[in-house]
Amino acid sequence: MKSLRGLALAAFVIMISVLCSIIAQFGFSPDSPIEQWGAFGDFIGGTLNPIFAFLSFICLLMTIVLQNTELKETRKEFTRVANANEQQLSLISNQQQKDDTYKVIQKVTERLNKNYNENRFKEKTLSIHKIILGGADYNKNLDFKFLYEACLDTNSDEYKIIKYIEKDLFLLKDLLENYDKLTNFETGEYNPLINFYRNEYLELVKTLGTYNLVDHSLFESF
């Protein structure tokens, strides 16, 4: 815009300068003959028209350049807004996945806790929690010995319950890993909730895994 104003000012100055020079050179006055004024007009037209045409061409070029610059800036702004919107949608989608994953984690842990704390063994007078409190020493903890021997029979209720627990532990492991990835994507920081759940079932995994009642690969996750 400043450049265009500069060109307009330059055109005005040139026009005035040419007029003043011609008038000073030839001494025109209102009393000059009409023929002299006609020749003067032709001379002015022949002198100023090419200058004004050139300046008009320069103005046109400058206008095109300015429009291209504005178009590039507009495209950059559109790209920035599009990227921001895409990032926002990604964060919203990630948050939704995170919320859904956490809901499933809660459901799985509720089921685990039920199988862990309710009396389901020895004619429903004993829970895994009570068994674990006695330790994993086969010779000192008779309740654990009972559980181990009962699980030797793959058709027993005890074996089936332990396998349900093992299945849920594997499911919880995968859910926690996925939840950890979603959290890192969103904040880049470690979520302490992951450690909470892992520590919550660490003793269970260690005790049952001592005598291969659950898969040893669970040790790596808990």
C-alpha atoms as a PDB file:
ATOM      1  CA  MET A   1       0.000   0.000   0.000  1.00  0.00           C
ATOM      2  CA  LYS A   2       2.845   2.429   0.837  1.00  0.00           C
ATOM      3  CA  SER A   3       4.540   1.586  -2.489  1.00  0.00           C
ATOM      4  CA  LEU A   4       1.383   2.417  -4.432  1.00  0.00           C
ATOM      5  CA  ARG A   5       1.056   5.724  -2.641  1.00  0.00           C
ATOM      6  CA  GLY A   6       4.694   6.445  -3.465  1.00  0.00           C
ATOM      7  CA  LEU A   7       4.082   5.782  -7.170  1.00  0.00           C
ATOM      8  CA  ALA A   8       1.009   8.061  -7.176  1.00  0.00           C
ATOM      9  CA  LEU A   9       3.044  10.819  -5.544  1.00  0.00           C
ATOM     10  CA  ALA A  10       5.872  10.291  -8.035  1.00  0.00           C
ATOM     11  CA  ALA A  11       3.417  10.537 -10.960  1.00  0.00           C
ATOM     12  CA  PHE A  12       1.994  13.772  -9.579  1.00  0.00           C
ATOM     13  CA  VAL A  13       5.461  15.265  -9.055  1.00  0.00           C
ATOM     14  CA  ILE A  14       6.542  14.282 -12.580  1.00  0.00           C
ATOM     15  CA  MET A  15       3.426  15.812 -14.083  1.00  0.00           C
ATOM     16  CA  ILE A  16       3.869  19.089 -12.209  1.00  0.00           C
ATOM     17  CA  SER A  17       7.582  19.185 -12.999  1.00  0.00           C
ATOM     18  CA  VAL A  18       6.971  18.686 -16.733  1.00  0.00           C
ATOM     19  CA  LEU A  19       4.249  21.330 -16.806  1.00  0.00           C
ATOM     20  CA  CYS A  20       6.346  23.841 -14.909  1.00  0.00           C
ATOM     21  CA  SER A  21       9.385  23.207 -17.117  1.00  0.00           C
ATOM     22  CA  ILE A  22       7.415  23.672 -20.341  1.00  0.00           C
ATOM     23  CA  ILE A  23       5.636  26.780 -19.129  1.00  0.00           C
ATOM     24  CA  ALA A  24       8.921  28.296 -17.903  1.00  0.00           C
ATOM     25  CA  GLN A  25      10.626  27.426 -21.203  1.00  0.00           C
ATOM     26  CA  PHE A  26       7.964  28.692 -23.589  1.00  0.00           C
ATOM     27  CA  GLY A  27       6.327  31.364 -21.448  1.00  0.00           C
ATOM     28  CA  PHE A  28       2.690  30.303 -21.898  1.00  0.00           C
ATOM     29  CA  SER A  29      -0.019  32.576 -20.622  1.00  0.00           C
ATOM     30  CA  PRO A  30      -3.813  32.714 -20.931  1.00  0.00           C
ATOM     31  CA  ASP A  31      -3.379  35.154 -23.863  1.00  0.00           C
ATOM     32  CA  SER A  32      -1.326  32.687 -25.938  1.00  0.00           C
ATOM     33  CA  PRO A  33      -2.805  31.703 -29.356  1.00  0.00           C
ATOM     34  CA  ILE A  34      -5.038  28.622 -29.498  1.00  0.00           C
ATOM     35  CA  GLU A  35      -2.626  26.939 -31.913  1.00  0.00           C
ATOM     36  CA  GLN A  36       0.141  27.303 -29.363  1.00  0.00           C
ATOM     37  CA  TRP A  37      -2.040  25.777 -26.679  1.00  0.00           C
ATOM     38  CA  GLY A  38      -2.957  22.907 -29.038  1.00  0.00           C
ATOM     39  CA  ALA A  39       0.701  22.198 -29.741  1.00  0.00           C
ATOM     40  CA  PHE A  40       1.347  22.439 -26.024  1.00  0.00           C
ATOM     41  CA  GLY A  41      -1.380  19.877 -25.302  1.00  0.00           C
ATOM     42  CA  ASP A  42      -0.008  17.461 -27.913  1.00  0.00           C
ATOM     43  CA  PHE A  43       3.455  17.825 -26.461  1.00  0.00           C
ATOM     44  CA  ILE A  44       2.205  17.222 -22.913  1.00  0.00           C
ATOM     45  CA  GLY A  45       0.235  14.178 -24.038  1.00  0.00           C
ATOM     46  CA  GLY A  46       3.217  12.741 -25.889  1.00  0.00           C
ATOM     47  CA  THR A  47       5.497  13.324 -22.920  1.00  0.00           C
ATOM     48  CA  LEU A  48       3.313  12.301 -19.973  1.00  0.00           C
ATOM     49  CA  ASN A  49       1.305   9.442 -21.521  1.00  0.00           C
ATOM     50  CA  PRO A  50       4.300   7.064 -21.824  1.00  0.00           C
ATOM     51  CA  ILE A  51       5.377   7.943 -18.288  1.00  0.00           C
ATOM     52  CA  PHE A  52       1.912   7.339 -16.900  1.00  0.00           C
ATOM     53  CA  ALA A  53       1.580   4.113 -18.904  1.00  0.00           C
ATOM     54  CA  PHE A  54       4.868   2.875 -17.472  1.00  0.00           C
ATOM     55  CA  LEU A  55       3.824   3.825 -13.945  1.00  0.00           C
ATOM     56  CA  SER A  56       0.484   2.078 -14.476  1.00  0.00           C
ATOM     57  CA  PHE A  57       2.321  -1.053 -15.563  1.00  0.00           C
ATOM     58  CA  ILE A  58       4.497  -0.880 -12.446  1.00  0.00           C
ATOM     59  CA  CYS A  59       1.382  -0.450 -10.301  1.00  0.00           C
ATOM     60  CA  LEU A  60      -0.184  -3.496 -11.947  1.00  0.00           C
ATOM     61  CA  LEU A  61       2.925  -5.590 -11.252  1.00  0.00           C
ATOM     62  CA  MET A  62       3.032  -4.420  -7.657  1.00  0.00           C
ATOM     63  CA  THR A  63      -0.663  -5.229  -7.218  1.00  0.00           C
ATOM     64  CA  ILE A  64      -0.090  -8.755  -8.559  1.00  0.00           C
ATOM     65  CA  VAL A  65       2.887  -9.227  -6.230  1.00  0.00           C
ATOM     66  CA  LEU A  66       0.873  -7.991  -3.244  1.00  0.00           C
ATOM     67  CA  GLN A  67      -2.034 -10.282  -4.117  1.00  0.00           C
ATOM     68  CA  ASN A  68       0.317 -13.260  -4.415  1.00  0.00           C
ATOM     69  CA  THR A  69       1.866 -12.404  -1.067  1.00  0.00           C
ATOM     70  CA  GLU A  70      -1.539 -12.119   0.566  1.00  0.00           C
ATOM     71  CA  LEU A  71      -2.604 -15.396  -1.055  1.00  0.00           C
ATOM     72  CA  LYS A  72       0.469 -17.162   0.340  1.00  0.00           C
ATOM     73  CA  GLU A  73      -0.213 -15.762   3.805  1.00  0.00           C
ATOM     74  CA  THR A  74      -3.836 -16.832   3.527  1.00  0.00           C
ATOM     75  CA  ARG A  75      -2.794 -20.353   2.540  1.00  0.00           C
ATOM     76  CA  LYS A  76      -0.371 -20.480   5.470  1.00  0.00           C
ATOM     77  CA  GLU A  77      -3.140 -19.398   7.820  1.00  0.00           C
ATOM     78  CA  PHE A  78      -5.533 -21.986   6.386  1.00  0.00           C
ATOM     79  CA  THR A  79      -2.842 -24.654   6.795  1.00  0.00           C
ATOM     80  CA  ARG A  80      -2.164 -23.573  10.368  1.00  0.00           C
ATOM     81  CA  VAL A  81      -5.867 -23.646  11.231  1.00  0.00           C
ATOM     82  CA  ALA A  82      -6.296 -27.038   9.525  1.00  0.00           C
ATOM     83  CA  ASN A  83      -3.328 -28.480  11.437  1.00  0.00           C
ATOM     84  CA  ALA A  84      -4.643 -27.051  14.692  1.00  0.00           C
ATOM     85  CA  ASN A  85      -8.082 -28.542  14.038  1.00  0.00           C
ATOM     86  CA  GLU A  86      -6.563 -31.893  13.141  1.00  0.00           C
ATOM     87  CA  GLN A  87      -4.488 -31.864  16.306  1.00  0.00           C
ATOM     88  CA  GLN A  88      -7.532 -30.935  18.363  1.00  0.00           C
ATOM     89  CA  LEU A  89      -9.546 -33.762  16.825  1.00  0.00           C
ATOM     90  CA  SER A  90      -6.669 -36.152  17.494  1.00  0.00           C
ATOM     91  CA  LEU A  91      -6.548 -35.086  21.142  1.00  0.00           C
ATOM     92  CA  ILE A  92     -10.310 -35.467  21.475  1.00  0.00           C
ATOM     93  CA  SER A  93     -10.163 -38.916  19.904  1.00  0.00           C
ATOM     94  CA  ASN A  94      -7.247 -39.878  22.137  1.00  0.00           C
ATOM     95  CA  GLN A  95      -9.088 -38.671  25.238  1.00  0.00           C
ATOM     96  CA  GLN A  96     -12.147 -40.678  24.248  1.00  0.00           C
ATOM     97  CA  GLN A  97     -10.045 -43.812  23.783  1.00  0.00           C
ATOM     98  CA  LYS A  98      -8.360 -43.138  27.101  1.00  0.00           C
ATOM     99  CA  ASP A  99     -11.694 -42.775  28.893  1.00  0.00           C
ATOM    100  CA  ASP A 100     -13.065 -45.941  27.292  1.00  0.00           C
ATOM    101  CA  THR A 101      -9.920 -47.885  28.180  1.00  0.00           C
ATOM    102  CA  TYR A 102     -10.097 -46.759  31.784  1.00  0.00           C
ATOM    103  CA  LYS A 103     -13.734 -47.847  32.004  1.00  0.00           C
ATOM    104  CA  VAL A 104     -12.762 -51.340  30.834  1.00  0.00           C
ATOM    105  CA  ILE A 105      -9.844 -51.379  33.315  1.00  0.00           C
ATOM    106  CA  GLN A 106     -12.315 -50.655  36.110  1.00  0.00           C
ATOM    107  CA  LYS A 107     -14.613 -53.461  34.963  1.00  0.00           C
ATOM    108  CA  VAL A 108     -11.760 -55.967  34.765  1.00  0.00           C
ATOM    109  CA  THR A 109     -10.366 -55.003  38.177  1.00  0.00           C
ATOM    110  CA  GLU A 110     -13.834 -55.276  39.707  1.00  0.00           C
ATOM    111  CA  ARG A 111     -14.064 -58.830  38.431  1.00  0.00           C
ATOM    112  CA  LEU A 112     -10.532 -59.613  39.572  1.00  0.00           C
ATOM    113  CA  ASN A 113     -11.212 -58.257  43.038  1.00  0.00           C
ATOM    114  CA  LYS A 114     -14.369 -60.316  43.260  1.00  0.00           C
ATOM    115  CA  ASN A 115     -12.517 -63.527  42.444  1.00  0.00           C
ATOM    116  CA  TYR A 116      -9.657 -62.435  44.713  1.00  0.00           C
ATOM    117  CA  ASN A 117     -11.584 -61.500  47.837  1.00  0.00           C
ATOM    118  CA  GLU A 118     -14.730 -63.624  47.872  1.00  0.00           C
ATOM    119  CA  ASN A 119     -14.771 -67.000  49.580  1.00  0.00           C
ATOM    120  CA  ARG A 120     -14.761 -69.372  46.635  1.00  0.00           C
ATOM    121  CA  PHE A 121     -12.562 -72.223  47.874  1.00  0.00           C
ATOM    122  CA  LYS A 122     -12.884 -75.024  50.435  1.00  0.00           C
ATOM    123  CA  GLU A 123     -16.648 -75.118  50.232  1.00  0.00           C
ATOM    124  CA  LYS A 124     -16.703 -71.312  49.958  1.00  0.00           C
ATOM    125  CA  THR A 125     -14.941 -70.706  53.271  1.00  0.00           C
ATOM    126  CA  LEU A 126     -11.646 -69.532  51.814  1.00  0.00           C
ATOM    127  CA  SER A 127     -10.578 -66.741  49.472  1.00  0.00           C
ATOM    128  CA  ILE A 128      -7.366 -66.307  47.481  1.00  0.00           C
ATOM    129  CA  HIS A 129      -6.676 -63.252  49.609  1.00  0.00           C
ATOM    130  CA  LYS A 130      -6.658 -65.380  52.765  1.00  0.00           C
ATOM    131  CA  ILE A 131      -4.495 -67.968  51.045  1.00  0.00           C
ATOM    132  CA  ILE A 132      -1.907 -65.368  50.011  1.00  0.00           C
ATOM    133  CA  LEU A 133      -1.785 -63.899  53.512  1.00  0.00           C
ATOM    134  CA  GLY A 134      -0.369 -67.221  54.678  1.00  0.00           C
ATOM    135  CA  GLY A 135       2.532 -66.981  52.212  1.00  0.00           C
ATOM    136  CA  ALA A 136       3.556 -69.081  49.239  1.00  0.00           C
ATOM    137  CA  ASP A 137       5.521 -71.680  51.208  1.00  0.00           C
ATOM    138  CA  TYR A 138       4.032 -74.991  50.104  1.00  0.00           C
ATOM    139  CA  ASN A 139       4.979 -76.739  53.358  1.00  0.00           C
ATOM    140  CA  LYS A 140       3.935 -74.005  55.820  1.00  0.00           C
ATOM    141  CA  ASN A 141       0.764 -72.678  54.242  1.00  0.00           C
ATOM    142  CA  LEU A 142      -1.745 -75.530  54.208  1.00  0.00           C
ATOM    143  CA  ASP A 143      -4.333 -73.393  52.438  1.00  0.00           C
ATOM    144  CA  PHE A 144      -1.936 -72.771  49.610  1.00  0.00           C
ATOM    145  CA  LYS A 145      -1.127 -76.479  49.513  1.00  0.00           C
ATOM    146  CA  PHE A 146      -4.833 -77.198  49.238  1.00  0.00           C
ATOM    147  CA  LEU A 147      -5.189 -74.727  46.349  1.00  0.00           C
ATOM    148  CA  TYR A 148      -2.190 -76.141  44.513  1.00  0.00           C
ATOM    149  CA  GLU A 149      -3.361 -79.730  44.809  1.00  0.00           C
ATOM    150  CA  ALA A 150      -6.920 -78.789  43.823  1.00  0.00           C
ATOM    151  CA  CYS A 151      -5.610 -77.096  40.667  1.00  0.00           C
ATOM    152  CA  LEU A 152      -3.877 -80.293  39.584  1.00  0.00           C
ATOM    153  CA  ASP A 153      -7.334 -81.396  38.530  1.00  0.00           C
ATOM    154  CA  THR A 154      -8.143 -79.326  35.439  1.00  0.00           C
ATOM    155  CA  ASN A 155     -11.819 -80.088  35.890  1.00  0.00           C
ATOM    156  CA  SER A 156     -11.997 -78.680  39.415  1.00  0.00           C
ATOM    157  CA  ASP A 157     -13.727 -75.407  40.248  1.00  0.00           C
ATOM    158  CA  GLU A 158     -10.513 -74.139  41.837  1.00  0.00           C
ATOM    159  CA  TYR A 159      -8.580 -74.625  38.608  1.00  0.00           C
ATOM    160  CA  LYS A 160     -11.281 -72.871  36.575  1.00  0.00           C
ATOM    161  CA  ILE A 161     -11.360 -69.895  38.952  1.00  0.00           C
ATOM    162  CA  ILE A 162      -7.567 -69.535  38.809  1.00  0.00           C
ATOM    163  CA  LYS A 163      -7.696 -69.635  35.011  1.00  0.00           C
ATOM    164  CA  TYR A 164     -10.397 -66.946  35.028  1.00  0.00           C
ATOM    165  CA  ILE A 165      -8.085 -64.836  37.157  1.00  0.00           C
ATOM    166  CA  GLU A 166      -5.138 -65.521  34.855  1.00  0.00           C
ATOM    167  CA  LYS A 167      -7.186 -64.502  31.825  1.00  0.00           C
ATOM    168  CA  ASP A 168      -8.207 -61.242  33.503  1.00  0.00           C
ATOM    169  CA  LEU A 169      -4.604 -60.540  34.526  1.00  0.00           C
ATOM    170  CA  PHE A 170      -3.516 -60.832  30.898  1.00  0.00           C
ATOM    171  CA  LEU A 171      -6.396 -58.600  29.849  1.00  0.00           C
ATOM    172  CA  LEU A 172      -5.470 -56.055  32.516  1.00  0.00           C
ATOM    173  CA  LYS A 173      -1.843 -56.145  31.377  1.00  0.00           C
ATOM    174  CA  ASP A 174      -2.816 -55.265  27.800  1.00  0.00           C
ATOM    175  CA  LEU A 175      -5.226 -52.555  28.943  1.00  0.00           C
ATOM    176  CA  LEU A 176      -2.607 -50.926  31.172  1.00  0.00           C
ATOM    177  CA  GLU A 177      -0.062 -50.934  28.358  1.00  0.00           C
ATOM    178  CA  ASN A 178      -2.571 -49.307  26.001  1.00  0.00           C
ATOM    179  CA  TYR A 179      -3.624 -46.775  28.636  1.00  0.00           C
ATOM    180  CA  ASP A 180       0.038 -45.907  29.215  1.00  0.00           C
ATOM    181  CA  LYS A 181       0.549 -45.253  25.487  1.00  0.00           C
ATOM    182  CA  LEU A 182      -2.546 -43.047  25.306  1.00  0.00           C
ATOM    183  CA  THR A 183      -1.379 -41.062  28.326  1.00  0.00           C
ATOM    184  CA  ASN A 184       2.116 -40.571  26.887  1.00  0.00           C
ATOM    185  CA  PHE A 185       0.611 -39.387  23.598  1.00  0.00           C
ATOM    186  CA  GLU A 186      -1.464 -36.772  25.391  1.00  0.00           C
ATOM    187  CA  THR A 187       0.942 -35.490  28.062  1.00  0.00           C
ATOM    188  CA  GLY A 188       4.301 -37.149  27.422  1.00  0.00           C
ATOM    189  CA  GLU A 189       4.409 -38.067  31.102  1.00  0.00           C
ATOM    190  CA  TYR A 190       4.143 -41.359  32.957  1.00  0.00           C
ATOM    191  CA  ASN A 191       0.760 -41.992  34.586  1.00  0.00           C
ATOM    192  CA  PRO A 192       1.067 -43.152  38.243  1.00  0.00           C
ATOM    193  CA  LEU A 193      -2.232 -44.981  37.857  1.00  0.00           C
ATOM    194  CA  ILE A 194      -0.377 -47.670  35.888  1.00  0.00           C
ATOM    195  CA  ASN A 195       1.931 -48.420  38.812  1.00  0.00           C
ATOM    196  CA  PHE A 196      -0.982 -48.434  41.222  1.00  0.00           C
ATOM    197  CA  TYR A 197      -2.765 -51.253  39.416  1.00  0.00           C
ATOM    198  CA  ARG A 198       0.428 -53.205  38.805  1.00  0.00           C
ATOM    199  CA  ASN A 199       1.386 -53.045  42.466  1.00  0.00           C
ATOM    200  CA  GLU A 200      -2.175 -53.927  43.420  1.00  0.00           C
ATOM    201  CA  TYR A 201      -1.866 -57.371  41.817  1.00  0.00           C
ATOM    202  CA  LEU A 202       1.873 -57.933  42.133  1.00  0.00           C
ATOM    203  CA  GLU A 203       1.587 -60.177  45.213  1.00  0.00           C
ATOM    204  CA  LEU A 204      -1.202 -62.167  43.588  1.00  0.00           C
ATOM    205  CA  VAL A 205       0.893 -62.815  40.463  1.00  0.00           C
ATOM    206  CA  LYS A 206       4.020 -63.693  42.477  1.00  0.00           C
ATOM    207  CA  THR A 207       2.205 -66.108  44.776  1.00  0.00           C
ATOM    208  CA  LEU A 208       0.264 -67.914  42.066  1.00  0.00           C
ATOM    209  CA  GLY A 209       3.250 -67.896  39.731  1.00  0.00           C
ATOM    210  CA  THR A 210       5.538 -69.518  42.290  1.00  0.00           C
ATOM    211  CA  TYR A 211       4.020 -72.909  41.532  1.00  0.00           C
ATOM    212  CA  ASN A 212       2.997 -72.176  37.949  1.00  0.00           C
ATOM    213  CA  LEU A 213      -0.654 -71.593  38.773  1.00  0.00           C
ATOM    214  CA  VAL A 214      -0.494 -68.612  36.397  1.00  0.00           C
ATOM    215  CA  ASP A 215       1.772 -67.958  33.412  1.00  0.00           C
ATOM    216  CA  HIS A 216       5.295 -66.758  34.258  1.00  0.00           C
ATOM    217  CA  SER A 217       5.169 -64.079  31.544  1.00  0.00           C
ATOM    218  CA  LEU A 218       2.887 -62.082  33.841  1.00  0.00           C
ATOM    219  CA  PHE A 219       5.902 -61.433  36.083  1.00  0.00           C
ATOM    220  CA  GLU A 220       7.276 -59.047  33.460  1.00  0.00           C
ATOM    221  CA  SER A 221       4.150 -56.872  33.563  1.00  0.00           C
ATOM    222  CA  PHE A 222       3.423 -56.873  37.285  1.00  0.00           C
END
